Amino acid sequence: MNVNLPWTAPAVAGAALRALLAPRGRVLLGFEPPTPSGRDPLLTRLTRAADEAGFTLGAVHRDRESSAFAVEWLR
């Protein structure tokens, strides 16, 4: 939760996650930006980062009552 490596160094994060995941595995990355306006820019960065990390973007889960969200990266 709230770790910046997936968008600041996607290749490094991707390599570490692939080492931990089984083939066809998935990881759920959760974030809660400090303000609601921070959610969409961060979501955009994480969407782009999935490809750079060697993953496919799966589902995006948004909390309706806060700025929290999670993205699913598929191996």
PDB file of N, CA and C in Angstrom:
ATOM      1  N   MET A   1       0.845  -1.182   0.000  1.00  0.00           N
ATOM      2  CA  MET A   1       0.000   0.000   0.000  1.00  0.00           C
ATOM      3  C   MET A   1       0.884   1.236   0.000  1.00  0.00           C
ATOM      4  N   ASN A   2       0.624   2.112  -0.946  1.00  0.00           N
ATOM      5  CA  ASN A   2       1.282   3.416  -1.022  1.00  0.00           C
ATOM      6  C   ASN A   2       2.801   3.342  -1.203  1.00  0.00           C
ATOM      7  N   VAL A   3       3.277   2.367  -1.921  1.00  0.00           N
ATOM      8  CA  VAL A   3       4.704   2.274  -2.235  1.00  0.00           C
ATOM      9  C   VAL A   3       4.916   2.898  -3.602  1.00  0.00           C
ATOM     10  N   ASN A   4       5.903   3.807  -3.738  1.00  0.00           N
ATOM     11  CA  ASN A   4       6.052   4.539  -4.993  1.00  0.00           C
ATOM     12  C   ASN A   4       6.900   3.835  -6.049  1.00  0.00           C
ATOM     13  N   LEU A   5       7.572   2.753  -5.746  1.00  0.00           N
ATOM     14  CA  LEU A   5       8.439   2.076  -6.702  1.00  0.00           C
ATOM     15  C   LEU A   5       7.727   1.682  -8.002  1.00  0.00           C
ATOM     16  N   PRO A   6       6.470   1.232  -7.967  1.00  0.00           N
ATOM     17  CA  PRO A   6       5.829   0.851  -9.224  1.00  0.00           C
ATOM     18  C   PRO A   6       5.743   1.972 -10.259  1.00  0.00           C
ATOM     19  N   TRP A   7       5.645   3.224  -9.851  1.00  0.00           N
ATOM     20  CA  TRP A   7       5.599   4.284 -10.857  1.00  0.00           C
ATOM     21  C   TRP A   7       6.901   5.068 -10.967  1.00  0.00           C
ATOM     22  N   THR A   8       7.777   5.011  -9.966  1.00  0.00           N
ATOM     23  CA  THR A   8       9.052   5.731 -10.070  1.00  0.00           C
ATOM     24  C   THR A   8      10.129   4.900 -10.750  1.00  0.00           C
ATOM     25  N   ALA A   9      10.060   3.592 -10.623  1.00  0.00           N
ATOM     26  CA  ALA A   9      11.025   2.680 -11.252  1.00  0.00           C
ATOM     27  C   ALA A   9      10.283   1.413 -11.684  1.00  0.00           C
ATOM     28  N   PRO A  10       9.410   1.514 -12.703  1.00  0.00           N
ATOM     29  CA  PRO A  10       8.571   0.380 -13.080  1.00  0.00           C
ATOM     30  C   PRO A  10       9.354  -0.877 -13.460  1.00  0.00           C
ATOM     31  N   ALA A  11      10.492  -0.726 -14.131  1.00  0.00           N
ATOM     32  CA  ALA A  11      11.266  -1.913 -14.525  1.00  0.00           C
ATOM     33  C   ALA A  11      11.791  -2.653 -13.298  1.00  0.00           C
ATOM     34  N   VAL A  12      12.246  -1.911 -12.301  1.00  0.00           N
ATOM     35  CA  VAL A  12      12.752  -2.515 -11.068  1.00  0.00           C
ATOM     36  C   VAL A  12      11.604  -3.198 -10.314  1.00  0.00           C
ATOM     37  N   ALA A  13      10.481  -2.496 -10.195  1.00  0.00           N
ATOM     38  CA  ALA A  13       9.322  -3.073  -9.506  1.00  0.00           C
ATOM     39  C   ALA A  13       8.835  -4.312 -10.241  1.00  0.00           C
ATOM     40  N   GLY A  14       8.785  -4.231 -11.572  1.00  0.00           N
ATOM     41  CA  GLY A  14       8.328  -5.372 -12.363  1.00  0.00           C
ATOM     42  C   GLY A  14       9.202  -6.589 -12.176  1.00  0.00           C
ATOM     43  N   ALA A  15      10.517  -6.391 -12.186  1.00  0.00           N
ATOM     44  CA  ALA A  15      11.439  -7.518 -11.999  1.00  0.00           C
ATOM     45  C   ALA A  15      11.237  -8.161 -10.627  1.00  0.00           C
ATOM     46  N   ALA A  16      11.099  -7.329  -9.597  1.00  0.00           N
ATOM     47  CA  ALA A  16      10.905  -7.862  -8.244  1.00  0.00           C
ATOM     48  C   ALA A  16       9.582  -8.612  -8.133  1.00  0.00           C
ATOM     49  N   LEU A  17       8.541  -8.069  -8.719  1.00  0.00           N
ATOM     50  CA  LEU A  17       7.234  -8.719  -8.640  1.00  0.00           C
ATOM     51  C   LEU A  17       7.197 -10.011  -9.445  1.00  0.00           C
ATOM     52  N   ARG A  18       7.810 -10.023 -10.622  1.00  0.00           N
ATOM     53  CA  ARG A  18       7.843 -11.253 -11.424  1.00  0.00           C
ATOM     54  C   ARG A  18       8.594 -12.369 -10.695  1.00  0.00           C
ATOM     55  N   ALA A  19       9.624 -12.004  -9.929  1.00  0.00           N
ATOM     56  CA  ALA A  19      10.373 -13.008  -9.172  1.00  0.00           C
ATOM     57  C   ALA A  19       9.510 -13.645  -8.076  1.00  0.00           C
ATOM     58  N   LEU A  20       8.514 -12.925  -7.612  1.00  0.00           N
ATOM     59  CA  LEU A  20       7.663 -13.420  -6.533  1.00  0.00           C
ATOM     60  C   LEU A  20       6.385 -14.105  -7.019  1.00  0.00           C
ATOM     61  N   LEU A  21       5.956 -13.764  -8.222  1.00  0.00           N
ATOM     62  CA  LEU A  21       4.678 -14.256  -8.711  1.00  0.00           C
ATOM     63  C   LEU A  21       4.825 -15.515  -9.559  1.00  0.00           C
ATOM     64  N   ALA A  22       3.844 -16.373  -9.469  1.00  0.00           N
ATOM     65  CA  ALA A  22       3.771 -17.539 -10.345  1.00  0.00           C
ATOM     66  C   ALA A  22       3.413 -17.063 -11.752  1.00  0.00           C
ATOM     67  N   PRO A  23       3.714 -17.865 -12.760  1.00  0.00           N
ATOM     68  CA  PRO A  23       3.262 -17.515 -14.102  1.00  0.00           C
ATOM     69  C   PRO A  23       1.746 -17.257 -14.085  1.00  0.00           C
ATOM     70  N   ARG A  24       1.328 -16.275 -14.815  1.00  0.00           N
ATOM     71  CA  ARG A  24      -0.075 -15.845 -14.865  1.00  0.00           C
ATOM     72  C   ARG A  24      -0.562 -15.314 -13.518  1.00  0.00           C
ATOM     73  N   GLY A  25       0.381 -14.920 -12.651  1.00  0.00           N
ATOM     74  CA  GLY A  25       0.022 -14.350 -11.357  1.00  0.00           C
ATOM     75  C   GLY A  25      -0.443 -12.913 -11.494  1.00  0.00           C
ATOM     76  N   ARG A  26      -0.919 -12.377 -10.401  1.00  0.00           N
ATOM     77  CA  ARG A  26      -1.384 -10.993 -10.385  1.00  0.00           C
ATOM     78  C   ARG A  26      -1.031 -10.356  -9.062  1.00  0.00           C
ATOM     79  N   VAL A  27      -0.891  -9.051  -9.105  1.00  0.00           N
ATOM     80  CA  VAL A  27      -0.611  -8.310  -7.886  1.00  0.00           C
ATOM     81  C   VAL A  27      -1.593  -7.141  -7.825  1.00  0.00           C
ATOM     82  N   LEU A  28      -2.069  -6.849  -6.643  1.00  0.00           N
ATOM     83  CA  LEU A  28      -2.982  -5.736  -6.422  1.00  0.00           C
ATOM     84  C   LEU A  28      -2.200  -4.643  -5.694  1.00  0.00           C
ATOM     85  N   LEU A  29      -2.100  -3.486  -6.332  1.00  0.00           N
ATOM     86  CA  LEU A  29      -1.362  -2.360  -5.768  1.00  0.00           C
ATOM     87  C   LEU A  29      -2.363  -1.329  -5.262  1.00  0.00           C
ATOM     88  N   GLY A  30      -2.323  -1.019  -3.973  1.00  0.00           N
ATOM     89  CA  GLY A  30      -3.279  -0.093  -3.373  1.00  0.00           C
ATOM     90  C   GLY A  30      -2.642   1.232  -3.013  1.00  0.00           C
ATOM     91  N   PHE A  31      -3.411   2.301  -3.231  1.00  0.00           N
ATOM     92  CA  PHE A  31      -2.925   3.652  -2.963  1.00  0.00           C
ATOM     93  C   PHE A  31      -4.046   4.501  -2.394  1.00  0.00           C
ATOM     94  N   GLU A  32      -3.658   5.485  -1.583  1.00  0.00           N
ATOM     95  CA  GLU A  32      -4.610   6.480  -1.093  1.00  0.00           C
ATOM     96  C   GLU A  32      -3.926   7.841  -1.137  1.00  0.00           C
ATOM     97  N   PRO A  33      -4.055   8.544  -2.273  1.00  0.00           N
ATOM     98  CA  PRO A  33      -3.465   9.869  -2.373  1.00  0.00           C
ATOM     99  C   PRO A  33      -4.036  10.784  -1.281  1.00  0.00           C
ATOM    100  N   PRO A  34      -3.252  11.774  -0.852  1.00  0.00           N
ATOM    101  CA  PRO A  34      -3.713  12.638   0.237  1.00  0.00           C
ATOM    102  C   PRO A  34      -4.947  13.472  -0.114  1.00  0.00           C
ATOM    103  N   THR A  35      -5.183  13.715  -1.406  1.00  0.00           N
ATOM    104  CA  THR A  35      -6.360  14.477  -1.819  1.00  0.00           C
ATOM    105  C   THR A  35      -7.056  13.735  -2.959  1.00  0.00           C
ATOM    106  N   PRO A  36      -8.360  13.897  -3.090  1.00  0.00           N
ATOM    107  CA  PRO A  36      -9.074  13.254  -4.188  1.00  0.00           C
ATOM    108  C   PRO A  36      -8.537  13.656  -5.574  1.00  0.00           C
ATOM    109  N   SER A  37      -8.056  14.873  -5.705  1.00  0.00           N
ATOM    110  CA  SER A  37      -7.541  15.322  -7.001  1.00  0.00           C
ATOM    111  C   SER A  37      -6.245  14.602  -7.390  1.00  0.00           C
ATOM    112  N   GLY A  38      -5.599  13.946  -6.451  1.00  0.00           N
ATOM    113  CA  GLY A  38      -4.375  13.211  -6.745  1.00  0.00           C
ATOM    114  C   GLY A  38      -4.605  11.831  -7.329  1.00  0.00           C
ATOM    115  N   ARG A  39      -5.841  11.352  -7.278  1.00  0.00           N
ATOM    116  CA  ARG A  39      -6.106   9.984  -7.719  1.00  0.00           C
ATOM    117  C   ARG A  39      -5.927   9.800  -9.225  1.00  0.00           C
ATOM    118  N   ASP A  40      -6.533  10.632 -10.033  1.00  0.00           N
ATOM    119  CA  ASP A  40      -6.467  10.424 -11.485  1.00  0.00           C
ATOM    120  C   ASP A  40      -5.054  10.536 -12.046  1.00  0.00           C
ATOM    121  N   PRO A  41      -4.253  11.536 -11.654  1.00  0.00           N
ATOM    122  CA  PRO A  41      -2.875  11.563 -12.165  1.00  0.00           C
ATOM    123  C   PRO A  41      -2.053  10.333 -11.757  1.00  0.00           C
ATOM    124  N   LEU A  42      -2.228   9.874 -10.534  1.00  0.00           N
ATOM    125  CA  LEU A  42      -1.494   8.688 -10.085  1.00  0.00           C
ATOM    126  C   LEU A  42      -1.979   7.444 -10.816  1.00  0.00           C
ATOM    127  N   LEU A  43      -3.261   7.356 -11.028  1.00  0.00           N
ATOM    128  CA  LEU A  43      -3.814   6.221 -11.769  1.00  0.00           C
ATOM    129  C   LEU A  43      -3.259   6.192 -13.199  1.00  0.00           C
ATOM    130  N   THR A  44      -3.139   7.332 -13.820  1.00  0.00           N
ATOM    131  CA  THR A  44      -2.557   7.425 -15.163  1.00  0.00           C
ATOM    132  C   THR A  44      -1.109   6.948 -15.150  1.00  0.00           C
ATOM    133  N   ARG A  45      -0.344   7.371 -14.173  1.00  0.00           N
ATOM    134  CA  ARG A  45       1.067   6.946 -14.066  1.00  0.00           C
ATOM    135  C   ARG A  45       1.181   5.444 -13.859  1.00  0.00           C
ATOM    136  N   LEU A  46       0.326   4.880 -13.037  1.00  0.00           N
ATOM    137  CA  LEU A  46       0.377   3.438 -12.773  1.00  0.00           C
ATOM    138  C   LEU A  46      -0.088   2.615 -13.971  1.00  0.00           C
ATOM    139  N   THR A  47      -0.996   3.163 -14.756  1.00  0.00           N
ATOM    140  CA  THR A  47      -1.440   2.487 -15.975  1.00  0.00           C
ATOM    141  C   THR A  47      -0.278   2.392 -16.961  1.00  0.00           C
ATOM    142  N   ARG A  48       0.424   3.492 -17.160  1.00  0.00           N
ATOM    143  CA  ARG A  48       1.596   3.487 -18.049  1.00  0.00           C
ATOM    144  C   ARG A  48       2.703   2.602 -17.489  1.00  0.00           C
ATOM    145  N   ALA A  49       2.892   2.650 -16.198  1.00  0.00           N
ATOM    146  CA  ALA A  49       3.977   1.898 -15.555  1.00  0.00           C
ATOM    147  C   ALA A  49       3.774   0.393 -15.674  1.00  0.00           C
ATOM    148  N   ALA A  50       2.527  -0.067 -15.726  1.00  0.00           N
ATOM    149  CA  ALA A  50       2.276  -1.507 -15.849  1.00  0.00           C
ATOM    150  C   ALA A  50       2.968  -2.054 -17.088  1.00  0.00           C
ATOM    151  N   ASP A  51       2.831  -1.366 -18.202  1.00  0.00           N
ATOM    152  CA  ASP A  51       3.461  -1.804 -19.444  1.00  0.00           C
ATOM    153  C   ASP A  51       4.979  -1.760 -19.328  1.00  0.00           C
ATOM    154  N   GLU A  52       5.509  -0.683 -18.779  1.00  0.00           N
ATOM    155  CA  GLU A  52       6.962  -0.555 -18.600  1.00  0.00           C
ATOM    156  C   GLU A  52       7.512  -1.641 -17.683  1.00  0.00           C
ATOM    157  N   ALA A  53       6.685  -2.100 -16.756  1.00  0.00           N
ATOM    158  CA  ALA A  53       7.106  -3.126 -15.800  1.00  0.00           C
ATOM    159  C   ALA A  53       6.946  -4.539 -16.362  1.00  0.00           C
ATOM    160  N   GLY A  54       6.371  -4.641 -17.562  1.00  0.00           N
ATOM    161  CA  GLY A  54       6.181  -5.958 -18.161  1.00  0.00           C
ATOM    162  C   GLY A  54       4.897  -6.641 -17.736  1.00  0.00           C
ATOM    163  N   PHE A  55       3.923  -5.871 -17.295  1.00  0.00           N
ATOM    164  CA  PHE A  55       2.641  -6.396 -16.855  1.00  0.00           C
ATOM    165  C   PHE A  55       1.526  -5.841 -17.727  1.00  0.00           C
ATOM    166  N   THR A  56       0.379  -6.472 -17.647  1.00  0.00           N
ATOM    167  CA  THR A  56      -0.831  -5.969 -18.284  1.00  0.00           C
ATOM    168  C   THR A  56      -1.712  -5.403 -17.190  1.00  0.00           C
ATOM    169  N   LEU A  57      -2.327  -4.280 -17.464  1.00  0.00           N
ATOM    170  CA  LEU A  57      -3.232  -3.696 -16.484  1.00  0.00           C
ATOM    171  C   LEU A  57      -4.522  -4.501 -16.450  1.00  0.00           C
ATOM    172  N   GLY A  58      -4.909  -4.927 -15.261  1.00  0.00           N
ATOM    173  CA  GLY A  58      -6.170  -5.634 -15.066  1.00  0.00           C
ATOM    174  C   GLY A  58      -7.217  -4.652 -14.580  1.00  0.00           C
ATOM    175  N   ALA A  59      -7.944  -5.033 -13.587  1.00  0.00           N
ATOM    176  CA  ALA A  59      -9.019  -4.202 -13.052  1.00  0.00           C
ATOM    177  C   ALA A  59      -8.479  -3.009 -12.280  1.00  0.00           C
ATOM    178  N   VAL A  60      -9.285  -1.967 -12.251  1.00  0.00           N
ATOM    179  CA  VAL A  60      -9.030  -0.794 -11.417  1.00  0.00           C
ATOM    180  C   VAL A  60     -10.191  -0.709 -10.443  1.00  0.00           C
ATOM    181  N   HIS A  61      -9.868  -0.615  -9.175  1.00  0.00           N
ATOM    182  CA  HIS A  61     -10.884  -0.563  -8.123  1.00  0.00           C
ATOM    183  C   HIS A  61     -10.806   0.805  -7.449  1.00  0.00           C
ATOM    184  N   ARG A  62     -11.901   1.552  -7.472  1.00  0.00           N
ATOM    185  CA  ARG A  62     -11.938   2.890  -6.867  1.00  0.00           C
ATOM    186  C   ARG A  62     -12.880   2.886  -5.667  1.00  0.00           C
ATOM    187  N   ASP A  63     -12.421   3.480  -4.579  1.00  0.00           N
ATOM    188  CA  ASP A  63     -13.284   3.652  -3.422  1.00  0.00           C
ATOM    189  C   ASP A  63     -14.175   4.864  -3.682  1.00  0.00           C
ATOM    190  N   ARG A  64     -15.440   4.734  -3.454  1.00  0.00           N
ATOM    191  CA  ARG A  64     -16.381   5.823  -3.738  1.00  0.00           C
ATOM    192  C   ARG A  64     -16.369   6.919  -2.689  1.00  0.00           C
ATOM    193  N   GLU A  65     -15.849   6.627  -1.514  1.00  0.00           N
ATOM    194  CA  GLU A  65     -15.939   7.586  -0.421  1.00  0.00           C
ATOM    195  C   GLU A  65     -14.608   8.223  -0.043  1.00  0.00           C
ATOM    196  N   SER A  66     -13.544   7.858  -0.743  1.00  0.00           N
ATOM    197  CA  SER A  66     -12.239   8.446  -0.449  1.00  0.00           C
ATOM    198  C   SER A  66     -11.427   8.496  -1.742  1.00  0.00           C
ATOM    199  N   SER A  67     -10.195   8.910  -1.640  1.00  0.00           N
ATOM    200  CA  SER A  67      -9.319   8.955  -2.817  1.00  0.00           C
ATOM    201  C   SER A  67      -8.617   7.616  -3.051  1.00  0.00           C
ATOM    202  N   ALA A  68      -8.890   6.621  -2.219  1.00  0.00           N
ATOM    203  CA  ALA A  68      -8.217   5.324  -2.316  1.00  0.00           C
ATOM    204  C   ALA A  68      -8.608   4.588  -3.596  1.00  0.00           C
ATOM    205  N   PHE A  69      -7.647   3.830  -4.114  1.00  0.00           N
ATOM    206  CA  PHE A  69      -7.907   2.986  -5.269  1.00  0.00           C
ATOM    207  C   PHE A  69      -6.865   1.881  -5.304  1.00  0.00           C
ATOM    208  N   ALA A  70      -7.120   0.890  -6.130  1.00  0.00           N
ATOM    209  CA  ALA A  70      -6.156  -0.202  -6.336  1.00  0.00           C
ATOM    210  C   ALA A  70      -6.158  -0.569  -7.810  1.00  0.00           C
ATOM    211  N   VAL A  71      -4.986  -0.943  -8.295  1.00  0.00           N
ATOM    212  CA  VAL A  71      -4.857  -1.434  -9.665  1.00  0.00           C
ATOM    213  C   VAL A  71      -4.323  -2.849  -9.610  1.00  0.00           C
ATOM    214  N   GLU A  72      -4.757  -3.628 -10.551  1.00  0.00           N
ATOM    215  CA  GLU A  72      -4.327  -5.016 -10.648  1.00  0.00           C
ATOM    216  C   GLU A  72      -3.354  -5.112 -11.820  1.00  0.00           C
ATOM    217  N   TRP A  73      -2.169  -5.626 -11.567  1.00  0.00           N
ATOM    218  CA  TRP A  73      -1.200  -5.903 -12.618  1.00  0.00           C
ATOM    219  C   TRP A  73      -1.172  -7.396 -12.840  1.00  0.00           C
ATOM    220  N   LEU A  74      -1.307  -7.801 -14.101  1.00  0.00           N
ATOM    221  CA  LEU A  74      -1.336  -9.211 -14.460  1.00  0.00           C
ATOM    222  C   LEU A  74      -0.045  -9.592 -15.130  1.00  0.00           C
ATOM    223  N   ARG A  75       0.521 -10.706 -14.734  1.00  0.00           N
ATOM    224  CA  ARG A  75       1.782 -11.168 -15.301  1.00  0.00           C
ATOM    225  C   ARG A  75       1.541 -11.845 -16.614  1.00  0.00           C
TER     226      ARG A  75
END
